[in-house]
Amino acid sequence: MMQMVPPGKGRDSLESIPPLTPAMSAAALVVVQRDWNGWRKAMTPMAALQDVHWHQPAGAPRPLIHAYVSCRELTSGDVPHDCAGRAPHRLLICVLRQHTAPSVFCALVERANAAAGKA
C-alpha cells in the first residue's frame, strides 16, 4: 500500500520537521473533533490516541488522520457524544493538520502510515 503524507506536503518537508521526544509526545495536547467538517472541538493528550489511521469520510476531499480516544481523556472542549450509562467509551475522532502543531502532526502521520503498512 502506498504511504500517505499530509496533503500538500512531500516526504522532504516531513523529514525537515524535528521529531518529538518521548517526553514531548506524552505532554502534547491535540485538538480533536468528531466530524472532519464539524465546529465542535476538544483537547486530548497525544498519548491517549489509539489506533491512529487514515480514513476518508463521506464528503471529505482526501483521507484524514483519525484515531480512537476514551471520552474520559478529553481534557477540555466539547465533542458531541452520549455516555448514557456506558461511560467511558471510545470515540472515533479526526485530527486536522490546520489545528495541530507540525511536529505533532508529523508524529501522527508516522503512526497512521505504520498502521497502513500493517493492513
N, C-alpha and C. Protein backbone atom coordinates (compact mmCIF):
# COMPACT_ATOMS: atom_id res chain seq x y z
N MET A 1 0.85 -1.18 0.00
CA MET A 1 0.00 0.00 0.00
C MET A 1 0.89 1.24 0.00
N MET A 2 0.49 2.26 -0.75
CA MET A 2 1.27 3.48 -0.83
C MET A 2 1.23 4.24 0.50
N GLN A 3 2.38 4.78 0.90
CA GLN A 3 2.44 5.54 2.15
C GLN A 3 1.82 6.91 1.95
N MET A 4 1.08 7.35 2.93
CA MET A 4 0.40 8.64 2.86
C MET A 4 1.27 9.71 3.51
N VAL A 5 1.15 10.90 3.01
CA VAL A 5 1.75 12.08 3.64
C VAL A 5 0.66 13.13 3.69
N PRO A 6 0.80 14.11 4.56
CA PRO A 6 -0.25 15.14 4.62
C PRO A 6 -0.43 15.78 3.26
N PRO A 7 -1.66 16.12 2.91
CA PRO A 7 -1.92 16.77 1.62
C PRO A 7 -1.08 18.03 1.47
N GLY A 8 -0.49 18.19 0.29
CA GLY A 8 0.29 19.38 0.01
C GLY A 8 1.69 19.32 0.58
N LYS A 9 2.06 18.20 1.16
CA LYS A 9 3.39 18.08 1.75
C LYS A 9 4.10 16.89 1.13
N GLY A 10 5.32 17.09 0.69
CA GLY A 10 6.12 16.00 0.18
C GLY A 10 6.90 15.35 1.31
N ARG A 11 7.45 14.20 1.04
CA ARG A 11 8.23 13.49 2.04
C ARG A 11 9.41 14.34 2.52
N ASP A 12 10.02 15.15 1.63
CA ASP A 12 11.14 16.00 2.02
C ASP A 12 10.74 16.98 3.11
N SER A 13 9.56 17.58 3.00
CA SER A 13 9.15 18.55 4.01
C SER A 13 8.86 17.86 5.34
N LEU A 14 8.41 16.61 5.32
CA LEU A 14 8.18 15.88 6.57
C LEU A 14 9.49 15.60 7.28
N GLU A 15 10.52 15.28 6.51
CA GLU A 15 11.80 14.95 7.11
C GLU A 15 12.47 16.16 7.74
N SER A 16 12.07 17.37 7.34
CA SER A 16 12.69 18.57 7.90
C SER A 16 12.07 18.98 9.23
N ILE A 17 10.97 18.34 9.63
CA ILE A 17 10.33 18.65 10.91
C ILE A 17 11.04 17.86 12.00
N PRO A 18 11.51 18.54 13.05
CA PRO A 18 12.19 17.80 14.12
C PRO A 18 11.25 16.83 14.80
N PRO A 19 11.72 15.61 15.10
CA PRO A 19 10.85 14.62 15.73
C PRO A 19 10.54 15.00 17.18
N LEU A 20 9.41 14.50 17.66
CA LEU A 20 9.04 14.71 19.06
C LEU A 20 9.84 13.76 19.93
N THR A 21 10.30 14.24 21.06
CA THR A 21 10.92 13.36 22.04
C THR A 21 9.79 12.63 22.77
N PRO A 22 10.08 11.50 23.41
CA PRO A 22 9.01 10.81 24.14
C PRO A 22 8.34 11.70 25.19
N ALA A 23 9.10 12.54 25.88
CA ALA A 23 8.51 13.42 26.89
C ALA A 23 7.58 14.44 26.24
N MET A 24 8.01 15.01 25.10
CA MET A 24 7.18 15.98 24.40
C MET A 24 5.90 15.31 23.88
N SER A 25 6.04 14.10 23.37
CA SER A 25 4.91 13.38 22.81
C SER A 25 3.86 13.11 23.88
N ALA A 26 4.29 12.69 25.05
CA ALA A 26 3.35 12.38 26.13
C ALA A 26 2.62 13.63 26.60
N ALA A 27 3.30 14.77 26.57
CA ALA A 27 2.71 16.01 27.09
C ALA A 27 1.91 16.78 26.04
N ALA A 28 2.09 16.46 24.77
CA ALA A 28 1.44 17.23 23.70
C ALA A 28 -0.07 17.06 23.74
N LEU A 29 -0.77 18.19 23.66
CA LEU A 29 -2.22 18.16 23.54
C LEU A 29 -2.60 18.29 22.08
N VAL A 30 -3.63 17.57 21.69
CA VAL A 30 -4.08 17.53 20.30
C VAL A 30 -5.54 18.00 20.25
N VAL A 31 -5.84 18.85 19.27
CA VAL A 31 -7.23 19.26 19.02
C VAL A 31 -7.89 18.15 18.22
N VAL A 32 -9.03 17.69 18.71
CA VAL A 32 -9.76 16.61 18.03
C VAL A 32 -11.20 17.05 17.80
N GLN A 33 -11.84 16.43 16.83
CA GLN A 33 -13.25 16.68 16.56
C GLN A 33 -13.88 15.41 16.05
N ARG A 34 -15.18 15.26 16.25
CA ARG A 34 -15.87 14.04 15.82
C ARG A 34 -16.03 14.00 14.31
N ASP A 35 -16.35 15.13 13.69
CA ASP A 35 -16.57 15.18 12.25
C ASP A 35 -15.51 16.05 11.60
N TRP A 36 -15.03 15.65 10.44
CA TRP A 36 -13.96 16.39 9.77
C TRP A 36 -14.38 17.81 9.46
N ASN A 37 -15.68 18.03 9.26
CA ASN A 37 -16.18 19.36 8.93
C ASN A 37 -17.00 19.97 10.07
N GLY A 38 -16.86 19.41 11.26
CA GLY A 38 -17.60 19.90 12.42
C GLY A 38 -16.93 21.12 13.03
N TRP A 39 -17.66 21.81 13.88
CA TRP A 39 -17.11 23.00 14.51
C TRP A 39 -16.80 22.78 15.98
N ARG A 40 -17.30 21.71 16.59
CA ARG A 40 -17.05 21.44 18.00
C ARG A 40 -15.75 20.67 18.15
N LYS A 41 -14.91 21.16 19.05
CA LYS A 41 -13.59 20.58 19.22
C LYS A 41 -13.30 20.33 20.70
N ALA A 42 -12.33 19.47 20.95
CA ALA A 42 -11.86 19.19 22.31
C ALA A 42 -10.35 18.98 22.25
N MET A 43 -9.74 18.94 23.41
CA MET A 43 -8.30 18.67 23.52
C MET A 43 -8.13 17.33 24.23
N THR A 44 -7.09 16.61 23.83
CA THR A 44 -6.75 15.35 24.49
C THR A 44 -5.23 15.16 24.39
N PRO A 45 -4.63 14.48 25.35
CA PRO A 45 -3.20 14.20 25.24
C PRO A 45 -2.92 13.29 24.04
N MET A 46 -1.82 13.54 23.36
CA MET A 46 -1.46 12.71 22.22
C MET A 46 -1.32 11.25 22.64
N ALA A 47 -0.83 11.02 23.84
CA ALA A 47 -0.65 9.65 24.33
C ALA A 47 -1.98 8.90 24.45
N ALA A 48 -3.10 9.61 24.52
CA ALA A 48 -4.42 8.97 24.65
C ALA A 48 -4.98 8.48 23.32
N LEU A 49 -4.38 8.89 22.21
CA LEU A 49 -4.89 8.49 20.90
C LEU A 49 -4.52 7.04 20.61
N GLN A 50 -5.51 6.24 20.26
CA GLN A 50 -5.31 4.83 19.96
C GLN A 50 -5.70 4.54 18.52
N ASP A 51 -5.06 3.55 17.94
CA ASP A 51 -5.39 3.10 16.58
C ASP A 51 -5.42 4.26 15.59
N VAL A 52 -4.35 5.04 15.55
CA VAL A 52 -4.26 6.17 14.62
C VAL A 52 -4.22 5.59 13.20
N HIS A 53 -5.05 6.14 12.31
CA HIS A 53 -5.15 5.61 10.95
C HIS A 53 -5.65 6.67 9.98
N TRP A 54 -5.52 6.38 8.70
CA TRP A 54 -6.07 7.23 7.64
C TRP A 54 -7.49 6.77 7.34
N HIS A 55 -8.38 7.72 7.16
CA HIS A 55 -9.77 7.40 6.81
C HIS A 55 -10.33 8.58 6.02
N GLN A 56 -11.08 8.29 4.97
CA GLN A 56 -11.72 9.35 4.19
C GLN A 56 -13.22 9.27 4.38
N PRO A 57 -13.77 10.13 5.27
CA PRO A 57 -15.21 10.13 5.49
C PRO A 57 -15.96 10.63 4.25
N ALA A 58 -17.22 10.32 4.18
CA ALA A 58 -18.05 10.79 3.07
C ALA A 58 -17.97 12.31 2.98
N GLY A 59 -17.71 12.80 1.79
CA GLY A 59 -17.63 14.23 1.55
C GLY A 59 -16.28 14.87 1.81
N ALA A 60 -15.38 14.15 2.47
CA ALA A 60 -14.04 14.70 2.74
C ALA A 60 -13.23 14.71 1.45
N PRO A 61 -12.39 15.73 1.25
CA PRO A 61 -11.64 15.82 0.00
C PRO A 61 -10.49 14.83 -0.13
N ARG A 62 -10.07 14.22 0.98
CA ARG A 62 -8.94 13.28 0.97
C ARG A 62 -8.94 12.50 2.28
N PRO A 63 -8.13 11.44 2.37
CA PRO A 63 -8.02 10.74 3.65
C PRO A 63 -7.45 11.67 4.72
N LEU A 64 -7.96 11.55 5.93
CA LEU A 64 -7.56 12.38 7.06
C LEU A 64 -7.14 11.48 8.22
N ILE A 65 -6.37 12.04 9.13
CA ILE A 65 -5.95 11.30 10.31
C ILE A 65 -7.16 11.10 11.23
N HIS A 66 -7.39 9.86 11.63
CA HIS A 66 -8.44 9.52 12.59
C HIS A 66 -7.81 8.64 13.67
N ALA A 67 -8.45 8.59 14.81
CA ALA A 67 -8.00 7.75 15.91
C ALA A 67 -9.16 7.53 16.85
N TYR A 68 -8.94 6.69 17.84
CA TYR A 68 -9.92 6.48 18.89
C TYR A 68 -9.37 7.06 20.18
N VAL A 69 -10.28 7.58 21.00
CA VAL A 69 -9.90 8.12 22.31
C VAL A 69 -11.04 7.85 23.28
N SER A 70 -10.70 7.58 24.53
CA SER A 70 -11.72 7.41 25.56
C SER A 70 -12.35 8.76 25.84
N CYS A 71 -13.66 8.78 26.04
CA CYS A 71 -14.33 10.05 26.32
C CYS A 71 -13.81 10.68 27.60
N ARG A 72 -13.24 9.91 28.48
CA ARG A 72 -12.68 10.46 29.72
C ARG A 72 -11.33 11.12 29.51
N GLU A 73 -10.72 10.93 28.36
CA GLU A 73 -9.42 11.53 28.06
C GLU A 73 -9.56 12.92 27.43
N LEU A 74 -10.77 13.37 27.18
CA LEU A 74 -10.98 14.71 26.63
C LEU A 74 -10.79 15.70 27.77
N THR A 75 -9.73 16.53 27.66
CA THR A 75 -9.37 17.40 28.78
C THR A 75 -10.10 18.72 28.78
N SER A 76 -10.52 19.19 27.63
CA SER A 76 -11.27 20.44 27.54
C SER A 76 -12.03 20.45 26.23
N GLY A 77 -12.97 21.38 26.11
CA GLY A 77 -13.75 21.47 24.89
C GLY A 77 -14.97 20.58 24.96
N ASP A 78 -15.58 20.40 23.81
CA ASP A 78 -16.82 19.65 23.76
C ASP A 78 -16.99 19.01 22.39
N VAL A 79 -16.98 17.69 22.36
CA VAL A 79 -17.36 16.98 21.14
C VAL A 79 -18.62 16.19 21.47
N PRO A 80 -19.60 16.22 20.59
CA PRO A 80 -20.86 15.56 20.89
C PRO A 80 -20.70 14.05 21.00
N HIS A 81 -21.20 13.51 22.10
CA HIS A 81 -21.29 12.07 22.29
C HIS A 81 -22.23 11.80 23.45
N ASP A 82 -22.70 10.58 23.53
CA ASP A 82 -23.68 10.21 24.55
C ASP A 82 -23.10 9.12 25.43
N CYS A 83 -22.84 9.44 26.70
CA CYS A 83 -22.30 8.48 27.65
C CYS A 83 -23.39 7.68 28.36
N ALA A 84 -24.61 7.87 28.03
CA ALA A 84 -25.78 7.28 28.70
C ALA A 84 -25.53 5.87 29.25
N GLY A 85 -25.04 5.82 30.48
CA GLY A 85 -24.87 4.56 31.19
C GLY A 85 -23.74 3.67 30.71
N ARG A 86 -22.94 4.11 29.80
CA ARG A 86 -21.86 3.24 29.31
C ARG A 86 -20.51 3.97 29.24
N ALA A 87 -20.29 4.90 30.14
CA ALA A 87 -19.01 5.61 30.17
C ALA A 87 -17.99 4.76 30.91
N PRO A 88 -16.73 4.84 30.63
CA PRO A 88 -16.19 5.54 29.46
C PRO A 88 -16.32 4.66 28.22
N HIS A 89 -16.30 5.29 27.08
CA HIS A 89 -16.33 4.57 25.82
C HIS A 89 -15.40 5.25 24.83
N ARG A 90 -15.09 4.52 23.77
CA ARG A 90 -14.16 5.04 22.76
C ARG A 90 -14.91 5.84 21.72
N LEU A 91 -14.31 6.97 21.37
CA LEU A 91 -14.87 7.83 20.32
C LEU A 91 -13.94 7.82 19.12
N LEU A 92 -14.50 7.76 17.93
CA LEU A 92 -13.72 7.95 16.72
C LEU A 92 -13.61 9.44 16.50
N ILE A 93 -12.38 9.94 16.42
CA ILE A 93 -12.17 11.38 16.25
C ILE A 93 -11.28 11.64 15.04
N CYS A 94 -11.26 12.88 14.62
CA CYS A 94 -10.48 13.34 13.48
C CYS A 94 -9.48 14.38 13.98
N VAL A 95 -8.27 14.36 13.42
CA VAL A 95 -7.24 15.36 13.74
C VAL A 95 -6.89 16.07 12.43
N LEU A 96 -7.13 17.37 12.40
CA LEU A 96 -6.86 18.15 11.19
C LEU A 96 -5.51 18.85 11.29
N ARG A 97 -4.80 18.89 10.18
CA ARG A 97 -3.47 19.50 10.15
C ARG A 97 -3.49 20.95 10.59
N GLN A 98 -4.50 21.73 10.18
CA GLN A 98 -4.50 23.16 10.48
C GLN A 98 -4.68 23.45 11.97
N HIS A 99 -5.12 22.47 12.76
CA HIS A 99 -5.30 22.67 14.19
C HIS A 99 -4.18 22.04 15.02
N THR A 100 -3.15 21.53 14.34
CA THR A 100 -2.15 20.71 15.02
C THR A 100 -0.74 21.25 14.77
N ALA A 101 0.08 21.25 15.81
CA ALA A 101 1.48 21.65 15.67
C ALA A 101 2.16 20.73 14.66
N PRO A 102 3.03 21.28 13.81
CA PRO A 102 3.66 20.46 12.76
C PRO A 102 4.37 19.21 13.28
N SER A 103 5.10 19.31 14.38
CA SER A 103 5.82 18.14 14.89
C SER A 103 4.85 17.08 15.40
N VAL A 104 3.75 17.50 16.00
CA VAL A 104 2.73 16.56 16.48
C VAL A 104 2.04 15.90 15.29
N PHE A 105 1.68 16.69 14.28
CA PHE A 105 1.01 16.12 13.12
C PHE A 105 1.94 15.14 12.40
N CYS A 106 3.22 15.46 12.31
CA CYS A 106 4.18 14.57 11.67
C CYS A 106 4.24 13.23 12.41
N ALA A 107 4.24 13.27 13.73
CA ALA A 107 4.25 12.03 14.52
C ALA A 107 2.98 11.22 14.28
N LEU A 108 1.84 11.89 14.15
CA LEU A 108 0.59 11.18 13.86
C LEU A 108 0.59 10.58 12.46
N VAL A 109 1.17 11.30 11.50
CA VAL A 109 1.30 10.76 10.14
C VAL A 109 2.13 9.48 10.17
N GLU A 110 3.22 9.49 10.91
CA GLU A 110 4.05 8.29 11.02
C GLU A 110 3.27 7.12 11.61
N ARG A 111 2.46 7.39 12.64
CA ARG A 111 1.66 6.33 13.25
C ARG A 111 0.60 5.82 12.27
N ALA A 112 -0.05 6.72 11.53
CA ALA A 112 -1.07 6.31 10.55
C ALA A 112 -0.43 5.51 9.41
N ASN A 113 0.74 5.96 8.95
CA ASN A 113 1.44 5.23 7.89
C ASN A 113 1.86 3.84 8.36
N ALA A 114 2.31 3.73 9.60
CA ALA A 114 2.69 2.42 10.14
C ALA A 114 1.48 1.50 10.19
N ALA A 115 0.33 2.03 10.59
CA ALA A 115 -0.89 1.23 10.62
C ALA A 115 -1.30 0.80 9.22
N ALA A 116 -1.13 1.69 8.23
CA ALA A 116 -1.48 1.36 6.84
C ALA A 116 -0.56 0.27 6.31
N GLY A 117 0.69 0.28 6.75
CA GLY A 117 1.64 -0.74 6.32
C GLY A 117 1.32 -2.12 6.85
N LYS A 118 0.62 -2.18 7.99
CA LYS A 118 0.24 -3.46 8.60
C LYS A 118 -1.01 -4.03 7.95
N ALA A 119 -1.80 -3.18 7.29
CA ALA A 119 -3.07 -3.63 6.72
C ALA A 119 -2.87 -4.51 5.52
